[in-house]
Amino acid sequence: MWSEKIFKLQRIVIGNGFILLTGEWIREAQQVNIVTIYSPSETQHKRTLWDQVRQQKHSLSGDLWGIFGDFNIIREPTERFGTSQRDPGNNSIKEFNDWIDDLEVVEAPWLGRKFT
């Protein structure tokens, strides 16, 4: 899938809802961690996934992290499109944003249209 002359895979972790690849970006001699997420829809299962990814990030070295995938949640109510608002007392949006802040990751900006 990639050239070992560019990225040398060192470790794979397969968790419930995520895959973590750890390796070295050869040219820069830098440790890289790439996480692909497919989050469950149930809030409690999301919390478990978030905790597992948080534990991995806090336990591994490496300056570069990329966390990608389907988080199955929104960051703010304006992102919801074409569905009714769910339980307004649901705290999962705040929890998700707190998780992102705790991991010290930055959401990449959208280019082009948000919804198609």
C-alpha atoms as a PDB file:
ATOM      1  CA  MET A   1       0.000   0.000   0.000  1.00  0.00           C
ATOM      2  CA  TRP A   2       2.976   2.298   0.532  1.00  0.00           C
ATOM      3  CA  SER A   3       6.646   2.180  -0.291  1.00  0.00           C
ATOM      4  CA  GLU A   4       8.948   1.062   2.527  1.00  0.00           C
ATOM      5  CA  LYS A   5      11.411   3.601   1.140  1.00  0.00           C
ATOM      6  CA  ILE A   6       8.991   6.316   2.335  1.00  0.00           C
ATOM      7  CA  PHE A   7       7.173   4.838   5.341  1.00  0.00           C
ATOM      8  CA  LYS A   8       8.444   1.867   7.344  1.00  0.00           C
ATOM      9  CA  LEU A   9       5.642   0.211   9.310  1.00  0.00           C
ATOM     10  CA  GLN A  10       6.743  -0.793  12.805  1.00  0.00           C
ATOM     11  CA  ARG A  11       3.537  -1.622  14.668  1.00  0.00           C
ATOM     12  CA  ILE A  12      -0.149  -2.278  14.101  1.00  0.00           C
ATOM     13  CA  VAL A  13      -2.785  -2.084  16.834  1.00  0.00           C
ATOM     14  CA  ILE A  14      -6.297  -3.228  16.001  1.00  0.00           C
ATOM     15  CA  GLY A  15      -8.847  -2.086  18.538  1.00  0.00           C
ATOM     16  CA  ASN A  16     -12.609  -2.076  18.727  1.00  0.00           C
ATOM     17  CA  GLY A  17     -13.416   0.618  16.158  1.00  0.00           C
ATOM     18  CA  PHE A  18      -9.893   1.699  15.227  1.00  0.00           C
ATOM     19  CA  ILE A  19      -6.642   0.649  13.573  1.00  0.00           C
ATOM     20  CA  LEU A  20      -3.392   2.318  14.600  1.00  0.00           C
ATOM     21  CA  LEU A  21      -0.315   2.195  12.378  1.00  0.00           C
ATOM     22  CA  THR A  22       3.000   3.316  13.845  1.00  0.00           C
ATOM     23  CA  GLY A  23       6.061   3.741  11.716  1.00  0.00           C
ATOM     24  CA  GLU A  24       8.883   5.909  10.566  1.00  0.00           C
ATOM     25  CA  TRP A  25       8.625   8.571   7.879  1.00  0.00           C
ATOM     26  CA  ILE A  26      12.015   7.693   6.375  1.00  0.00           C
ATOM     27  CA  ARG A  27      12.989  10.959   4.678  1.00  0.00           C
ATOM     28  CA  GLU A  28      12.447  13.020   7.844  1.00  0.00           C
ATOM     29  CA  ALA A  29      13.458  10.197  10.238  1.00  0.00           C
ATOM     30  CA  GLN A  30      10.305  10.964  12.213  1.00  0.00           C
ATOM     31  CA  GLN A  31       7.937   8.684  14.095  1.00  0.00           C
ATOM     32  CA  VAL A  32       4.377   8.802  12.719  1.00  0.00           C
ATOM     33  CA  ASN A  33       1.140   7.421  14.160  1.00  0.00           C
ATOM     34  CA  ILE A  34      -1.889   7.060  11.913  1.00  0.00           C
ATOM     35  CA  VAL A  35      -5.279   6.121  13.358  1.00  0.00           C
ATOM     36  CA  THR A  36      -8.271   5.133  11.256  1.00  0.00           C
ATOM     37  CA  ILE A  37     -11.578   5.224  13.135  1.00  0.00           C
ATOM     38  CA  TYR A  38     -14.964   3.705  12.456  1.00  0.00           C
ATOM     39  CA  SER A  39     -16.974   4.714  15.493  1.00  0.00           C
ATOM     40  CA  PRO A  40     -20.050   2.879  16.749  1.00  0.00           C
ATOM     41  CA  SER A  41     -23.277   4.834  16.990  1.00  0.00           C
ATOM     42  CA  GLU A  42     -23.976   4.121  20.680  1.00  0.00           C
ATOM     43  CA  THR A  43     -22.630   6.842  22.975  1.00  0.00           C
ATOM     44  CA  GLN A  44     -21.202   4.434  25.568  1.00  0.00           C
ATOM     45  CA  HIS A  45     -19.318   2.528  22.868  1.00  0.00           C
ATOM     46  CA  LYS A  46     -17.983   5.837  21.519  1.00  0.00           C
ATOM     47  CA  ARG A  47     -16.653   6.674  24.980  1.00  0.00           C
ATOM     48  CA  THR A  48     -14.861   3.311  25.114  1.00  0.00           C
ATOM     49  CA  LEU A  49     -13.308   3.947  21.686  1.00  0.00           C
ATOM     50  CA  TRP A  50     -12.238   7.470  22.674  1.00  0.00           C
ATOM     51  CA  ASP A  51     -10.612   6.127  25.846  1.00  0.00           C
ATOM     52  CA  GLN A  52      -8.720   3.445  23.911  1.00  0.00           C
ATOM     53  CA  VAL A  53      -7.370   5.941  21.367  1.00  0.00           C
ATOM     54  CA  ARG A  54      -6.494   8.399  24.172  1.00  0.00           C
ATOM     55  CA  GLN A  55      -4.524   5.657  25.972  1.00  0.00           C
ATOM     56  CA  GLN A  56      -2.628   4.829  22.779  1.00  0.00           C
ATOM     57  CA  LYS A  57      -1.751   8.469  22.144  1.00  0.00           C
ATOM     58  CA  HIS A  58      -0.553   9.076  25.686  1.00  0.00           C
ATOM     59  CA  SER A  59       1.535   5.884  25.727  1.00  0.00           C
ATOM     60  CA  LEU A  60       3.317   6.210  22.363  1.00  0.00           C
ATOM     61  CA  SER A  61       6.129   8.415  21.228  1.00  0.00           C
ATOM     62  CA  GLY A  62       6.052  10.286  17.977  1.00  0.00           C
ATOM     63  CA  ASP A  63       5.424  13.865  17.112  1.00  0.00           C
ATOM     64  CA  LEU A  64       3.114  13.301  14.189  1.00  0.00           C
ATOM     65  CA  TRP A  65      -0.416  11.985  14.603  1.00  0.00           C
ATOM     66  CA  GLY A  66      -3.158  11.675  12.037  1.00  0.00           C
ATOM     67  CA  ILE A  67      -6.582  10.606  13.232  1.00  0.00           C
ATOM     68  CA  PHE A  68      -9.035   9.972  10.400  1.00  0.00           C
ATOM     69  CA  GLY A  69     -12.329   8.265   9.812  1.00  0.00           C
ATOM     70  CA  ASP A  70     -15.990   8.199  10.611  1.00  0.00           C
ATOM     71  CA  PHE A  71     -16.467   9.456  14.152  1.00  0.00           C
ATOM     72  CA  ASN A  72     -20.235   9.067  13.887  1.00  0.00           C
ATOM     73  CA  ILE A  73     -20.753  12.321  15.790  1.00  0.00           C
ATOM     74  CA  ILE A  74     -20.769  16.044  15.102  1.00  0.00           C
ATOM     75  CA  ARG A  75     -18.732  18.813  16.730  1.00  0.00           C
ATOM     76  CA  GLU A  76     -21.552  21.346  16.727  1.00  0.00           C
ATOM     77  CA  PRO A  77     -25.303  21.235  16.012  1.00  0.00           C
ATOM     78  CA  THR A  78     -24.934  23.241  12.770  1.00  0.00           C
ATOM     79  CA  GLU A  79     -23.133  20.230  11.241  1.00  0.00           C
ATOM     80  CA  ARG A  80     -26.295  18.175  11.387  1.00  0.00           C
ATOM     81  CA  PHE A  81     -27.913  18.110   7.971  1.00  0.00           C
ATOM     82  CA  GLY A  82     -31.156  16.494   6.892  1.00  0.00           C
ATOM     83  CA  THR A  83     -32.061  14.969  10.260  1.00  0.00           C
ATOM     84  CA  SER A  84     -33.992  16.189  13.237  1.00  0.00           C
ATOM     85  CA  GLN A  85     -32.179  17.339  16.341  1.00  0.00           C
ATOM     86  CA  ARG A  86     -31.755  14.533  18.811  1.00  0.00           C
ATOM     87  CA  ASP A  87     -31.931  14.798  22.584  1.00  0.00           C
ATOM     88  CA  PRO A  88     -30.887  18.410  23.334  1.00  0.00           C
ATOM     89  CA  GLY A  89     -29.636  17.257  26.754  1.00  0.00           C
ATOM     90  CA  ASN A  90     -27.171  14.865  25.128  1.00  0.00           C
ATOM     91  CA  ASN A  91     -23.674  15.751  26.290  1.00  0.00           C
ATOM     92  CA  SER A  92     -21.838  13.702  23.639  1.00  0.00           C
ATOM     93  CA  ILE A  93     -20.914  16.726  21.484  1.00  0.00           C
ATOM     94  CA  LYS A  94     -19.126  18.342  24.443  1.00  0.00           C
ATOM     95  CA  GLU A  95     -17.452  15.032  25.322  1.00  0.00           C
ATOM     96  CA  PHE A  96     -16.242  14.632  21.727  1.00  0.00           C
ATOM     97  CA  ASN A  97     -14.830  18.169  21.654  1.00  0.00           C
ATOM     98  CA  ASP A  98     -13.167  17.599  25.044  1.00  0.00           C
ATOM     99  CA  TRP A  99     -11.608  14.394  23.654  1.00  0.00           C
ATOM    100  CA  ILE A 100     -10.217  16.295  20.649  1.00  0.00           C
ATOM    101  CA  ASP A 101      -8.805  18.985  22.958  1.00  0.00           C
ATOM    102  CA  ASP A 102      -7.270  16.366  25.266  1.00  0.00           C
ATOM    103  CA  LEU A 103      -5.525  14.682  22.332  1.00  0.00           C
ATOM    104  CA  GLU A 104      -4.230  18.072  21.183  1.00  0.00           C
ATOM    105  CA  VAL A 105      -5.233  17.432  17.583  1.00  0.00           C
ATOM    106  CA  VAL A 106      -6.506  20.020  15.137  1.00  0.00           C
ATOM    107  CA  GLU A 107      -9.377  19.445  12.772  1.00  0.00           C
ATOM    108  CA  ALA A 108      -8.336  19.942   9.164  1.00  0.00           C
ATOM    109  CA  PRO A 109     -10.373  22.665   7.459  1.00  0.00           C
ATOM    110  CA  TRP A 110     -12.926  21.732   4.819  1.00  0.00           C
ATOM    111  CA  LEU A 111     -12.317  22.670   1.228  1.00  0.00           C
ATOM    112  CA  GLY A 112     -15.279  23.117  -1.062  1.00  0.00           C
ATOM    113  CA  ARG A 113     -18.862  22.338  -0.117  1.00  0.00           C
ATOM    114  CA  LYS A 114     -19.654  20.893   3.293  1.00  0.00           C
ATOM    115  CA  PHE A 115     -22.667  18.862   2.223  1.00  0.00           C
ATOM    116  CA  THR A 116     -23.365  17.189  -1.070  1.00  0.00           C
END
